[in-house]
């Protein structure tokens, strides 16, 4: 999880800017920068992007698949691996049918 207050503070300090200078560049109030850095408020995506750009940085965000470490589905692996390829396909067909019916409900 991204800590927005640290992200803004790091961008500001790496740019060598005061809160007032960053606020001026981002066309916002110094108090907004201070409240974000104190964790008292969370900016919108647009505000966050504008502040980071004002400090001279680009915000690069990507989705990362979270590994599943403790899932009930993992307990079913041995059973699934013991199935024949045909039985696996039959099971997949049942799951697909379940999903289709669930979406209709």
PDB file of N, CA and C in Angstrom:
ATOM      1  N   UNK A   1       0.843  -1.182   0.000  1.00  0.00           N
ATOM      2  CA  UNK A   1       0.000   0.000   0.000  1.00  0.00           C
ATOM      3  C   UNK A   1       0.887   1.245   0.000  1.00  0.00           C
ATOM      4  N   UNK A   2       0.526   2.202  -0.795  1.00  0.00           N
ATOM      5  CA  UNK A   2       1.287   3.434  -0.898  1.00  0.00           C
ATOM      6  C   UNK A   2       0.921   4.365   0.248  1.00  0.00           C
ATOM      7  N   UNK A   3       1.930   4.903   0.899  1.00  0.00           N
ATOM      8  CA  UNK A   3       1.717   5.904   1.941  1.00  0.00           C
ATOM      9  C   UNK A   3       1.821   7.268   1.274  1.00  0.00           C
ATOM     10  N   UNK A   4       0.679   7.873   1.010  1.00  0.00           N
ATOM     11  CA  UNK A   4       0.618   9.123   0.261  1.00  0.00           C
ATOM     12  C   UNK A   4       1.407  10.229   0.947  1.00  0.00           C
ATOM     13  N   UNK A   5       1.303  10.311   2.280  1.00  0.00           N
ATOM     14  CA  UNK A   5       1.984  11.408   2.975  1.00  0.00           C
ATOM     15  C   UNK A   5       3.502  11.314   2.789  1.00  0.00           C
ATOM     16  N   UNK A   6       4.044  10.085   2.826  1.00  0.00           N
ATOM     17  CA  UNK A   6       5.484   9.931   2.609  1.00  0.00           C
ATOM     18  C   UNK A   6       5.860  10.176   1.150  1.00  0.00           C
ATOM     19  N   UNK A   7       4.980   9.787   0.240  1.00  0.00           N
ATOM     20  CA  UNK A   7       5.233   9.994  -1.180  1.00  0.00           C
ATOM     21  C   UNK A   7       5.344  11.488  -1.492  1.00  0.00           C
ATOM     22  N   UNK A   8       4.407  12.273  -0.986  1.00  0.00           N
ATOM     23  CA  UNK A   8       4.418  13.720  -1.228  1.00  0.00           C
ATOM     24  C   UNK A   8       5.639  14.357  -0.566  1.00  0.00           C
ATOM     25  N   UNK A   9       5.899  13.975   0.671  1.00  0.00           N
ATOM     26  CA  UNK A   9       7.049  14.551   1.381  1.00  0.00           C
ATOM     27  C   UNK A   9       8.358  14.208   0.659  1.00  0.00           C
ATOM     28  N   UNK A  10       8.489  12.963   0.201  1.00  0.00           N
ATOM     29  CA  UNK A  10       9.706  12.565  -0.502  1.00  0.00           C
ATOM     30  C   UNK A  10       9.859  13.329  -1.809  1.00  0.00           C
ATOM     31  N   UNK A  11       8.777  13.456  -2.562  1.00  0.00           N
ATOM     32  CA  UNK A  11       8.839  14.196  -3.824  1.00  0.00           C
ATOM     33  C   UNK A  11       9.248  15.644  -3.559  1.00  0.00           C
ATOM     34  N   UNK A  12       8.674  16.229  -2.528  1.00  0.00           N
ATOM     35  CA  UNK A  12       8.974  17.629  -2.197  1.00  0.00           C
ATOM     36  C   UNK A  12      10.424  17.801  -1.774  1.00  0.00           C
ATOM     37  N   UNK A  13      10.897  16.939  -0.880  1.00  0.00           N
ATOM     38  CA  UNK A  13      12.269  17.088  -0.378  1.00  0.00           C
ATOM     39  C   UNK A  13      13.300  16.747  -1.460  1.00  0.00           C
ATOM     40  N   UNK A  14      13.018  15.753  -2.280  1.00  0.00           N
ATOM     41  CA  UNK A  14      13.944  15.427  -3.366  1.00  0.00           C
ATOM     42  C   UNK A  14      14.022  16.555  -4.384  1.00  0.00           C
ATOM     43  N   UNK A  15      12.934  17.305  -4.519  1.00  0.00           N
ATOM     44  CA  UNK A  15      12.921  18.454  -5.427  1.00  0.00           C
ATOM     45  C   UNK A  15      13.529  19.695  -4.763  1.00  0.00           C
ATOM     46  N   UNK A  16      13.797  19.607  -3.457  1.00  0.00           N
ATOM     47  CA  UNK A  16      14.370  20.745  -2.741  1.00  0.00           C
ATOM     48  C   UNK A  16      13.384  21.876  -2.537  1.00  0.00           C
ATOM     49  N   UNK A  17      12.114  21.535  -2.372  1.00  0.00           N
ATOM     50  CA  UNK A  17      11.061  22.540  -2.251  1.00  0.00           C
ATOM     51  C   UNK A  17      10.496  22.589  -0.836  1.00  0.00           C
ATOM     52  N   UNK A  18      10.080  23.775  -0.433  1.00  0.00           N
ATOM     53  CA  UNK A  18       9.319  23.914   0.809  1.00  0.00           C
ATOM     54  C   UNK A  18       7.867  23.571   0.500  1.00  0.00           C
ATOM     55  N   UNK A  19       7.078  23.406   1.532  1.00  0.00           N
ATOM     56  CA  UNK A  19       5.647  23.161   1.319  1.00  0.00           C
ATOM     57  C   UNK A  19       5.028  24.322   0.553  1.00  0.00           C
ATOM     58  N   UNK A  20       5.419  25.537   0.904  1.00  0.00           N
ATOM     59  CA  UNK A  20       4.870  26.729   0.248  1.00  0.00           C
ATOM     60  C   UNK A  20       5.237  26.755  -1.238  1.00  0.00           C
ATOM     61  N   UNK A  21       6.489  26.428  -1.549  1.00  0.00           N
ATOM     62  CA  UNK A  21       6.927  26.423  -2.946  1.00  0.00           C
ATOM     63  C   UNK A  21       6.202  25.351  -3.759  1.00  0.00           C
ATOM     64  N   UNK A  22       6.076  24.167  -3.178  1.00  0.00           N
ATOM     65  CA  UNK A  22       5.362  23.093  -3.873  1.00  0.00           C
ATOM     66  C   UNK A  22       3.901  23.458  -4.075  1.00  0.00           C
ATOM     67  N   UNK A  23       3.290  24.018  -3.063  1.00  0.00           N
ATOM     68  CA  UNK A  23       1.887  24.423  -3.168  1.00  0.00           C
ATOM     69  C   UNK A  23       1.708  25.452  -4.280  1.00  0.00           C
ATOM     70  N   UNK A  24       2.624  26.410  -4.356  1.00  0.00           N
ATOM     71  CA  UNK A  24       2.542  27.436  -5.396  1.00  0.00           C
ATOM     72  C   UNK A  24       2.626  26.798  -6.783  1.00  0.00           C
ATOM     73  N   UNK A  25       3.576  25.885  -6.952  1.00  0.00           N
ATOM     74  CA  UNK A  25       3.738  25.211  -8.250  1.00  0.00           C
ATOM     75  C   UNK A  25       2.513  24.358  -8.593  1.00  0.00           C
ATOM     76  N   UNK A  26       1.906  23.740  -7.573  1.00  0.00           N
ATOM     77  CA  UNK A  26       0.749  22.861  -7.796  1.00  0.00           C
ATOM     78  C   UNK A  26      -0.566  23.632  -7.809  1.00  0.00           C
ATOM     79  N   UNK A  27      -0.478  24.943  -7.637  1.00  0.00           N
ATOM     80  CA  UNK A  27      -1.658  25.813  -7.622  1.00  0.00           C
ATOM     81  C   UNK A  27      -2.654  25.391  -6.545  1.00  0.00           C
ATOM     82  N   UNK A  28      -2.120  25.223  -5.348  1.00  0.00           N
ATOM     83  CA  UNK A  28      -2.953  24.892  -4.197  1.00  0.00           C
ATOM     84  C   UNK A  28      -2.399  25.643  -2.994  1.00  0.00           C
ATOM     85  N   UNK A  29      -3.012  25.462  -1.849  1.00  0.00           N
ATOM     86  CA  UNK A  29      -2.571  26.148  -0.634  1.00  0.00           C
ATOM     87  C   UNK A  29      -1.514  25.328   0.103  1.00  0.00           C
ATOM     88  N   UNK A  30      -0.635  26.016   0.793  1.00  0.00           N
ATOM     89  CA  UNK A  30       0.396  25.349   1.597  1.00  0.00           C
ATOM     90  C   UNK A  30      -0.248  24.452   2.636  1.00  0.00           C
ATOM     91  N   UNK A  31      -1.382  24.875   3.164  1.00  0.00           N
ATOM     92  CA  UNK A  31      -2.062  24.068   4.184  1.00  0.00           C
ATOM     93  C   UNK A  31      -2.523  22.722   3.630  1.00  0.00           C
ATOM     94  N   UNK A  32      -2.829  22.665   2.343  1.00  0.00           N
ATOM     95  CA  UNK A  32      -3.229  21.400   1.713  1.00  0.00           C
ATOM     96  C   UNK A  32      -2.045  20.435   1.725  1.00  0.00           C
ATOM     97  N   UNK A  33      -0.878  20.932   1.341  1.00  0.00           N
ATOM     98  CA  UNK A  33       0.330  20.100   1.342  1.00  0.00           C
ATOM     99  C   UNK A  33       0.622  19.626   2.766  1.00  0.00           C
ATOM    100  N   UNK A  34       0.516  20.532   3.725  1.00  0.00           N
ATOM    101  CA  UNK A  34       0.794  20.183   5.126  1.00  0.00           C
ATOM    102  C   UNK A  34      -0.172  19.117   5.622  1.00  0.00           C
ATOM    103  N   UNK A  35      -1.456  19.261   5.331  1.00  0.00           N
ATOM    104  CA  UNK A  35      -2.451  18.279   5.797  1.00  0.00           C
ATOM    105  C   UNK A  35      -2.218  16.908   5.166  1.00  0.00           C
ATOM    106  N   UNK A  36      -1.806  16.898   3.898  1.00  0.00           N
ATOM    107  CA  UNK A  36      -1.513  15.619   3.241  1.00  0.00           C
ATOM    108  C   UNK A  36      -0.296  14.977   3.895  1.00  0.00           C
ATOM    109  N   UNK A  37       0.757  15.756   4.106  1.00  0.00           N
ATOM    110  CA  UNK A  37       1.975  15.207   4.700  1.00  0.00           C
ATOM    111  C   UNK A  37       1.764  14.756   6.140  1.00  0.00           C
ATOM    112  N   UNK A  38       0.811  15.347   6.832  1.00  0.00           N
ATOM    113  CA  UNK A  38       0.500  14.937   8.206  1.00  0.00           C
ATOM    114  C   UNK A  38      -0.476  13.758   8.248  1.00  0.00           C
ATOM    115  N   UNK A  39      -0.990  13.379   7.088  1.00  0.00           N
ATOM    116  CA  UNK A  39      -1.947  12.275   7.031  1.00  0.00           C
ATOM    117  C   UNK A  39      -3.331  12.667   7.476  1.00  0.00           C
ATOM    118  N   UNK A  40      -3.617  13.943   7.489  1.00  0.00           N
ATOM    119  CA  UNK A  40      -4.925  14.426   7.922  1.00  0.00           C
ATOM    120  C   UNK A  40      -5.961  14.399   6.814  1.00  0.00           C
ATOM    121  N   UNK A  41      -5.497  14.286   5.578  1.00  0.00           N
ATOM    122  CA  UNK A  41      -6.399  14.211   4.438  1.00  0.00           C
ATOM    123  C   UNK A  41      -5.745  13.402   3.333  1.00  0.00           C
ATOM    124  N   UNK A  42      -6.551  12.816   2.496  1.00  0.00           N
ATOM    125  CA  UNK A  42      -6.055  12.074   1.336  1.00  0.00           C
ATOM    126  C   UNK A  42      -6.496  12.805   0.074  1.00  0.00           C
ATOM    127  N   UNK A  43      -5.541  13.134  -0.780  1.00  0.00           N
ATOM    128  CA  UNK A  43      -5.900  13.858  -2.001  1.00  0.00           C
ATOM    129  C   UNK A  43      -6.584  12.945  -3.007  1.00  0.00           C
ATOM    130  N   UNK A  44      -7.314  13.565  -3.907  1.00  0.00           N
ATOM    131  CA  UNK A  44      -7.864  12.807  -5.028  1.00  0.00           C
ATOM    132  C   UNK A  44      -6.704  12.400  -5.930  1.00  0.00           C
ATOM    133  N   UNK A  45      -6.971  11.481  -6.844  1.00  0.00           N
ATOM    134  CA  UNK A  45      -5.936  11.055  -7.781  1.00  0.00           C
ATOM    135  C   UNK A  45      -5.422  12.252  -8.582  1.00  0.00           C
ATOM    136  N   UNK A  46      -6.331  13.120  -9.010  1.00  0.00           N
ATOM    137  CA  UNK A  46      -5.942  14.277  -9.815  1.00  0.00           C
ATOM    138  C   UNK A  46      -5.040  15.217  -9.015  1.00  0.00           C
ATOM    139  N   UNK A  47      -5.403  15.466  -7.760  1.00  0.00           N
ATOM    140  CA  UNK A  47      -4.592  16.344  -6.914  1.00  0.00           C
ATOM    141  C   UNK A  47      -3.231  15.728  -6.655  1.00  0.00           C
ATOM    142  N   UNK A  48      -3.197  14.452  -6.341  1.00  0.00           N
ATOM    143  CA  UNK A  48      -1.932  13.759  -6.097  1.00  0.00           C
ATOM    144  C   UNK A  48      -1.024  13.858  -7.318  1.00  0.00           C
ATOM    145  N   UNK A  49      -1.564  13.591  -8.478  1.00  0.00           N
ATOM    146  CA  UNK A  49      -0.789  13.648  -9.713  1.00  0.00           C
ATOM    147  C   UNK A  49      -0.280  15.062  -9.966  1.00  0.00           C
ATOM    148  N   UNK A  50      -1.122  16.065  -9.731  1.00  0.00           N
ATOM    149  CA  UNK A  50      -0.723  17.459  -9.947  1.00  0.00           C
ATOM    150  C   UNK A  50       0.416  17.861  -9.007  1.00  0.00           C
ATOM    151  N   UNK A  51       0.340  17.432  -7.742  1.00  0.00           N
ATOM    152  CA  UNK A  51       1.379  17.768  -6.770  1.00  0.00           C
ATOM    153  C   UNK A  51       2.698  17.094  -7.130  1.00  0.00           C
ATOM    154  N   UNK A  52       2.632  15.826  -7.491  1.00  0.00           N
ATOM    155  CA  UNK A  52       3.847  15.091  -7.860  1.00  0.00           C
ATOM    156  C   UNK A  52       4.490  15.707  -9.102  1.00  0.00           C
ATOM    157  N   UNK A  53       3.675  16.062 -10.082  1.00  0.00           N
ATOM    158  CA  UNK A  53       4.201  16.704 -11.294  1.00  0.00           C
ATOM    159  C   UNK A  53       4.817  18.060 -10.962  1.00  0.00           C
ATOM    160  N   UNK A  54       4.201  18.795 -10.038  1.00  0.00           N
ATOM    161  CA  UNK A  54       4.728  20.105  -9.642  1.00  0.00           C
ATOM    162  C   UNK A  54       6.099  19.972  -8.987  1.00  0.00           C
ATOM    163  N   UNK A  55       6.368  18.820  -8.403  1.00  0.00           N
ATOM    164  CA  UNK A  55       7.683  18.569  -7.791  1.00  0.00           C
ATOM    165  C   UNK A  55       8.692  18.064  -8.828  1.00  0.00           C
ATOM    166  N   UNK A  56       8.223  17.856 -10.057  1.00  0.00           N
ATOM    167  CA  UNK A  56       9.124  17.429 -11.124  1.00  0.00           C
ATOM    168  C   UNK A  56       9.194  15.931 -11.340  1.00  0.00           C
ATOM    169  N   UNK A  57       8.180  15.211 -10.859  1.00  0.00           N
ATOM    170  CA  UNK A  57       8.167  13.756 -10.995  1.00  0.00           C
ATOM    171  C   UNK A  57       6.909  13.312 -11.722  1.00  0.00           C
ATOM    172  N   UNK A  58       6.966  12.112 -12.285  1.00  0.00           N
ATOM    173  CA  UNK A  58       5.785  11.463 -12.841  1.00  0.00           C
ATOM    174  C   UNK A  58       5.349  10.374 -11.889  1.00  0.00           C
ATOM    175  N   UNK A  59       4.075  10.194 -11.786  1.00  0.00           N
ATOM    176  CA  UNK A  59       3.520   9.143 -10.954  1.00  0.00           C
ATOM    177  C   UNK A  59       3.319   7.919 -11.831  1.00  0.00           C
ATOM    178  N   UNK A  60       3.979   6.829 -11.478  1.00  0.00           N
ATOM    179  CA  UNK A  60       3.916   5.598 -12.258  1.00  0.00           C
ATOM    180  C   UNK A  60       3.239   4.538 -11.402  1.00  0.00           C
ATOM    181  N   UNK A  61       2.047   4.141 -11.799  1.00  0.00           N
ATOM    182  CA  UNK A  61       1.268   3.177 -11.021  1.00  0.00           C
ATOM    183  C   UNK A  61       0.990   1.955 -11.874  1.00  0.00           C
ATOM    184  N   UNK A  62       1.104   0.786 -11.260  1.00  0.00           N
ATOM    185  CA  UNK A  62       0.780  -0.446 -11.970  1.00  0.00           C
ATOM    186  C   UNK A  62       0.131  -1.424 -10.998  1.00  0.00           C
ATOM    187  N   UNK A  63      -0.641  -2.309 -11.537  1.00  0.00           N
ATOM    188  CA  UNK A  63      -1.256  -3.358 -10.736  1.00  0.00           C
ATOM    189  C   UNK A  63      -0.288  -4.517 -10.611  1.00  0.00           C
ATOM    190  N   UNK A  64      -0.199  -5.054  -9.422  1.00  0.00           N
ATOM    191  CA  UNK A  64       0.640  -6.229  -9.192  1.00  0.00           C
ATOM    192  C   UNK A  64      -0.236  -7.320  -8.600  1.00  0.00           C
ATOM    193  N   UNK A  65      -0.150  -8.498  -9.170  1.00  0.00           N
ATOM    194  CA  UNK A  65      -0.934  -9.617  -8.686  1.00  0.00           C
ATOM    195  C   UNK A  65      -0.451 -10.004  -7.298  1.00  0.00           C
ATOM    196  N   UNK A  66      -1.373 -10.039  -6.365  1.00  0.00           N
ATOM    197  CA  UNK A  66      -1.042 -10.383  -4.992  1.00  0.00           C
ATOM    198  C   UNK A  66      -1.019 -11.899  -4.861  1.00  0.00           C
ATOM    199  N   UNK A  67       0.083 -12.456  -4.373  1.00  0.00           N
ATOM    200  CA  UNK A  67       0.128 -13.914  -4.241  1.00  0.00           C
ATOM    201  C   UNK A  67      -0.883 -14.411  -3.204  1.00  0.00           C
ATOM    202  N   UNK A  68      -1.508 -15.515  -3.515  1.00  0.00           N
ATOM    203  CA  UNK A  68      -2.468 -16.119  -2.604  1.00  0.00           C
ATOM    204  C   UNK A  68      -1.726 -17.128  -1.752  1.00  0.00           C
ATOM    205  N   UNK A  69      -1.635 -16.838  -0.458  1.00  0.00           N
ATOM    206  CA  UNK A  69      -0.878 -17.715   0.425  1.00  0.00           C
ATOM    207  C   UNK A  69      -1.755 -18.654   1.244  1.00  0.00           C
ATOM    208  N   UNK A  70      -2.923 -18.189   1.610  1.00  0.00           N
ATOM    209  CA  UNK A  70      -3.786 -19.013   2.446  1.00  0.00           C
ATOM    210  C   UNK A  70      -5.210 -18.955   1.913  1.00  0.00           C
ATOM    211  N   UNK A  71      -5.490 -19.797   0.956  1.00  0.00           N
ATOM    212  CA  UNK A  71      -6.802 -19.816   0.339  1.00  0.00           C
ATOM    213  C   UNK A  71      -7.379 -21.220   0.417  1.00  0.00           C
ATOM    214  N   UNK A  72      -8.680 -21.301   0.613  1.00  0.00           N
ATOM    215  CA  UNK A  72      -9.337 -22.606   0.628  1.00  0.00           C
ATOM    216  C   UNK A  72      -9.166 -23.310  -0.715  1.00  0.00           C
ATOM    217  N   UNK A  73      -8.964 -22.529  -1.764  1.00  0.00           N
ATOM    218  CA  UNK A  73      -8.805 -23.121  -3.086  1.00  0.00           C
ATOM    219  C   UNK A  73      -7.494 -23.899  -3.200  1.00  0.00           C
ATOM    220  N   UNK A  74      -6.477 -23.488  -2.455  1.00  0.00           N
ATOM    221  CA  UNK A  74      -5.201 -24.188  -2.519  1.00  0.00           C
ATOM    222  C   UNK A  74      -5.304 -25.596  -1.936  1.00  0.00           C
ATOM    223  N   UNK A  75      -6.242 -25.793  -1.038  1.00  0.00           N
ATOM    224  CA  UNK A  75      -6.412 -27.118  -0.429  1.00  0.00           C
ATOM    225  C   UNK A  75      -6.979 -28.131  -1.420  1.00  0.00           C
ATOM    226  N   UNK A  76      -7.472 -27.634  -2.544  1.00  0.00           N
ATOM    227  CA  UNK A  76      -8.095 -28.487  -3.547  1.00  0.00           C
ATOM    228  C   UNK A  76      -7.122 -28.903  -4.651  1.00  0.00           C
ATOM    229  N   UNK A  77      -5.894 -28.427  -4.586  1.00  0.00           N
ATOM    230  CA  UNK A  77      -4.924 -28.684  -5.654  1.00  0.00           C
ATOM    231  C   UNK A  77      -4.648 -30.168  -5.838  1.00  0.00           C
ATOM    232  N   UNK A  78      -4.388 -30.885  -4.750  1.00  0.00           N
ATOM    233  CA  UNK A  78      -4.066 -32.309  -4.869  1.00  0.00           C
ATOM    234  C   UNK A  78      -5.201 -33.085  -5.535  1.00  0.00           C
ATOM    235  N   UNK A  79      -6.446 -32.762  -5.164  1.00  0.00           N
ATOM    236  CA  UNK A  79      -7.586 -33.451  -5.762  1.00  0.00           C
ATOM    237  C   UNK A  79      -7.671 -33.162  -7.251  1.00  0.00           C
ATOM    238  N   UNK A  80      -7.480 -31.899  -7.623  1.00  0.00           N
ATOM    239  CA  UNK A  80      -7.567 -31.522  -9.034  1.00  0.00           C
ATOM    240  C   UNK A  80      -6.451 -32.186  -9.841  1.00  0.00           C
ATOM    241  N   UNK A  81      -5.247 -32.223  -9.279  1.00  0.00           N
ATOM    242  CA  UNK A  81      -4.131 -32.840  -9.996  1.00  0.00           C
ATOM    243  C   UNK A  81      -4.311 -34.344 -10.163  1.00  0.00           C
ATOM    244  N   UNK A  82      -5.087 -34.946  -9.282  1.00  0.00           N
ATOM    245  CA  UNK A  82      -5.309 -36.385  -9.396  1.00  0.00           C
ATOM    246  C   UNK A  82      -6.353 -36.727 -10.465  1.00  0.00           C
ATOM    247  N   UNK A  83      -7.073 -35.747 -10.965  1.00  0.00           N
ATOM    248  CA  UNK A  83      -8.095 -35.980 -11.986  1.00  0.00           C
ATOM    249  C   UNK A  83      -7.451 -36.205 -13.347  1.00  0.00           C
ATOM    250  N   UNK A  84      -8.151 -36.937 -14.178  1.00  0.00           N
ATOM    251  CA  UNK A  84      -7.703 -37.101 -15.564  1.00  0.00           C
ATOM    252  C   UNK A  84      -7.951 -35.780 -16.298  1.00  0.00           C
ATOM    253  N   UNK A  85      -7.300 -35.582 -17.425  1.00  0.00           N
ATOM    254  CA  UNK A  85      -7.539 -34.351 -18.190  1.00  0.00           C
ATOM    255  C   UNK A  85      -9.016 -34.159 -18.542  1.00  0.00           C
ATOM    256  N   UNK A  86      -9.705 -35.262 -18.867  1.00  0.00           N
ATOM    257  CA  UNK A  86     -11.125 -35.170 -19.199  1.00  0.00           C
ATOM    258  C   UNK A  86     -11.934 -34.728 -17.975  1.00  0.00           C
ATOM    259  N   UNK A  87     -11.608 -35.288 -16.823  1.00  0.00           N
ATOM    260  CA  UNK A  87     -12.330 -34.919 -15.602  1.00  0.00           C
ATOM    261  C   UNK A  87     -12.059 -33.461 -15.229  1.00  0.00           C
ATOM    262  N   UNK A  88     -10.854 -32.985 -15.477  1.00  0.00           N
ATOM    263  CA  UNK A  88     -10.544 -31.573 -15.216  1.00  0.00           C
ATOM    264  C   UNK A  88     -11.389 -30.661 -16.100  1.00  0.00           C
ATOM    265  N   UNK A  89     -11.524 -31.046 -17.372  1.00  0.00           N
ATOM    266  CA  UNK A  89     -12.353 -30.253 -18.284  1.00  0.00           C
ATOM    267  C   UNK A  89     -13.811 -30.252 -17.853  1.00  0.00           C
ATOM    268  N   UNK A  90     -14.303 -31.399 -17.391  1.00  0.00           N
ATOM    269  CA  UNK A  90     -15.679 -31.476 -16.893  1.00  0.00           C
ATOM    270  C   UNK A  90     -15.861 -30.552 -15.690  1.00  0.00           C
ATOM    271  N   UNK A  91     -14.883 -30.549 -14.802  1.00  0.00           N
ATOM    272  CA  UNK A  91     -14.949 -29.676 -13.620  1.00  0.00           C
ATOM    273  C   UNK A  91     -14.935 -28.213 -14.037  1.00  0.00           C
ATOM    274  N   UNK A  92     -14.098 -27.879 -15.005  1.00  0.00           N
ATOM    275  CA  UNK A  92     -14.037 -26.509 -15.501  1.00  0.00           C
ATOM    276  C   UNK A  92     -15.372 -26.105 -16.118  1.00  0.00           C
ATOM    277  N   UNK A  93     -16.002 -27.010 -16.853  1.00  0.00           N
ATOM    278  CA  UNK A  93     -17.307 -26.728 -17.451  1.00  0.00           C
ATOM    279  C   UNK A  93     -18.347 -26.458 -16.372  1.00  0.00           C
ATOM    280  N   UNK A  94     -18.298 -27.214 -15.277  1.00  0.00           N
ATOM    281  CA  UNK A  94     -19.238 -26.997 -14.174  1.00  0.00           C
ATOM    282  C   UNK A  94     -19.028 -25.624 -13.536  1.00  0.00           C
ATOM    283  N   UNK A  95     -17.775 -25.251 -13.348  1.00  0.00           N
ATOM    284  CA  UNK A  95     -17.473 -23.938 -12.756  1.00  0.00           C
ATOM    285  C   UNK A  95     -17.934 -22.828 -13.692  1.00  0.00           C
ATOM    286  N   UNK A  96     -17.687 -22.995 -14.989  1.00  0.00           N
ATOM    287  CA  UNK A  96     -18.112 -21.985 -15.960  1.00  0.00           C
ATOM    288  C   UNK A  96     -19.623 -21.823 -15.954  1.00  0.00           C
ATOM    289  N   UNK A  97     -20.338 -22.926 -15.898  1.00  0.00           N
ATOM    290  CA  UNK A  97     -21.799 -22.883 -15.847  1.00  0.00           C
ATOM    291  C   UNK A  97     -22.270 -22.196 -14.574  1.00  0.00           C
ATOM    292  N   UNK A  98     -21.612 -22.459 -13.471  1.00  0.00           N
ATOM    293  CA  UNK A  98     -21.939 -21.819 -12.196  1.00  0.00           C
ATOM    294  C   UNK A  98     -21.779 -20.297 -12.308  1.00  0.00           C
ATOM    295  N   UNK A  99     -20.683 -19.864 -12.916  1.00  0.00           N
ATOM    296  CA  UNK A  99     -20.414 -18.429 -13.053  1.00  0.00           C
ATOM    297  C   UNK A  99     -21.472 -17.782 -13.923  1.00  0.00           C
ATOM    298  N   UNK A 100     -21.838 -18.427 -15.035  1.00  0.00           N
ATOM    299  CA  UNK A 100     -22.864 -17.893 -15.923  1.00  0.00           C
ATOM    300  C   UNK A 100     -24.184 -17.744 -15.175  1.00  0.00           C
ATOM    301  N   UNK A 101     -24.582 -18.757 -14.428  1.00  0.00           N
ATOM    302  CA  UNK A 101     -25.852 -18.682 -13.684  1.00  0.00           C
ATOM    303  C   UNK A 101     -25.786 -17.632 -12.582  1.00  0.00           C
ATOM    304  N   UNK A 102     -24.641 -17.515 -11.932  1.00  0.00           N
ATOM    305  CA  UNK A 102     -24.504 -16.528 -10.852  1.00  0.00           C
ATOM    306  C   UNK A 102     -24.630 -15.106 -11.396  1.00  0.00           C
ATOM    307  N   UNK A 103     -24.102 -14.877 -12.593  1.00  0.00           N
ATOM    308  CA  UNK A 103     -24.201 -13.533 -13.187  1.00  0.00           C
ATOM    309  C   UNK A 103     -25.633 -13.174 -13.559  1.00  0.00           C
ATOM    310  N   UNK A 104     -26.433 -14.167 -13.881  1.00  0.00           N
ATOM    311  CA  UNK A 104     -27.830 -13.938 -14.246  1.00  0.00           C
ATOM    312  C   UNK A 104     -28.683 -13.594 -13.037  1.00  0.00           C
ATOM    313  N   UNK A 105     -28.246 -14.082 -11.884  1.00  0.00           N
ATOM    314  CA  UNK A 105     -29.063 -13.891 -10.667  1.00  0.00           C
ATOM    315  C   UNK A 105     -29.011 -12.484 -10.151  1.00  0.00           C
TER     316      UNK A 105
END
